[in-house]
Amino acid sequence: MVPLYEIEKKIEDKRKELNQASNHYDLLSDFILKLSHELDELLNRYDNLCASN
């Protein structure tokens, strides 16, 4: 099992990446949607881990 702090770090990194990318790409671009989907997956993973503890 991945420790929560590792997922929290990945979430923060992905948020930063998404915010930076949004300054350079259209918000409906494939790249932004891909990053958003990746962030959603991390958040769901985090939520599931918190619910199981």
Protein backbone atom coordinates (compact mmCIF):
# COMPACT_ATOMS: atom_id res chain seq x y z
CA MET A 1 0.00 0.00 0.00
CA VAL A 2 1.26 3.48 -0.87
CA PRO A 3 1.56 5.83 2.12
CA LEU A 4 -0.90 8.73 2.10
CA TYR A 5 1.87 11.32 2.14
CA GLU A 6 3.21 9.98 -1.17
CA ILE A 7 -0.18 10.33 -2.83
CA GLU A 8 -0.59 13.79 -1.28
CA LYS A 9 2.74 14.81 -2.85
CA LYS A 10 1.70 13.41 -6.23
CA ILE A 11 -1.60 15.31 -6.00
CA GLU A 12 0.18 18.56 -5.21
CA ASP A 13 2.66 18.02 -8.05
CA LYS A 14 -0.12 17.23 -10.52
CA ARG A 15 -2.08 20.33 -9.43
CA LYS A 16 0.96 22.50 -10.01
CA GLU A 17 1.54 20.91 -13.41
CA LEU A 18 -2.09 21.44 -14.37
CA ASN A 19 -2.07 25.06 -13.21
CA GLN A 20 1.11 25.81 -15.14
CA ALA A 21 -0.17 24.07 -18.26
CA SER A 22 -3.42 26.04 -18.10
CA ASN A 23 -1.38 29.20 -18.69
CA HIS A 24 -0.16 27.83 -22.02
CA TYR A 25 -2.95 25.60 -23.35
CA ASP A 26 -6.64 25.99 -23.98
CA LEU A 27 -8.60 24.56 -21.05
CA LEU A 28 -10.37 22.11 -23.36
CA SER A 29 -7.18 20.91 -25.04
CA ASP A 30 -6.38 17.21 -24.99
CA PHE A 31 -3.31 17.87 -22.87
CA ILE A 32 -5.22 19.74 -20.15
CA LEU A 33 -7.96 17.12 -20.14
CA LYS A 34 -5.34 14.38 -19.77
CA LEU A 35 -3.73 16.12 -16.80
CA SER A 36 -7.14 16.73 -15.25
CA HIS A 37 -8.01 13.06 -15.63
CA GLU A 38 -4.71 12.07 -14.00
CA LEU A 39 -5.43 14.40 -11.08
CA ASP A 40 -8.93 12.92 -10.73
CA GLU A 41 -7.46 9.43 -10.57
CA LEU A 42 -5.02 10.48 -7.84
CA LEU A 43 -7.79 12.16 -5.86
CA ASN A 44 -10.00 9.07 -6.15
CA ARG A 45 -7.12 6.88 -5.01
CA TYR A 46 -6.51 9.14 -2.04
CA ASP A 47 -10.21 9.15 -1.15
CA ASN A 48 -10.39 5.36 -1.34
CA LEU A 49 -7.35 4.98 0.90
CA CYS A 50 -8.77 7.40 3.46
CA ALA A 51 -12.11 5.58 3.46
CA SER A 52 -10.42 2.22 4.05
CA ASN A 53 -8.48 3.48 7.11
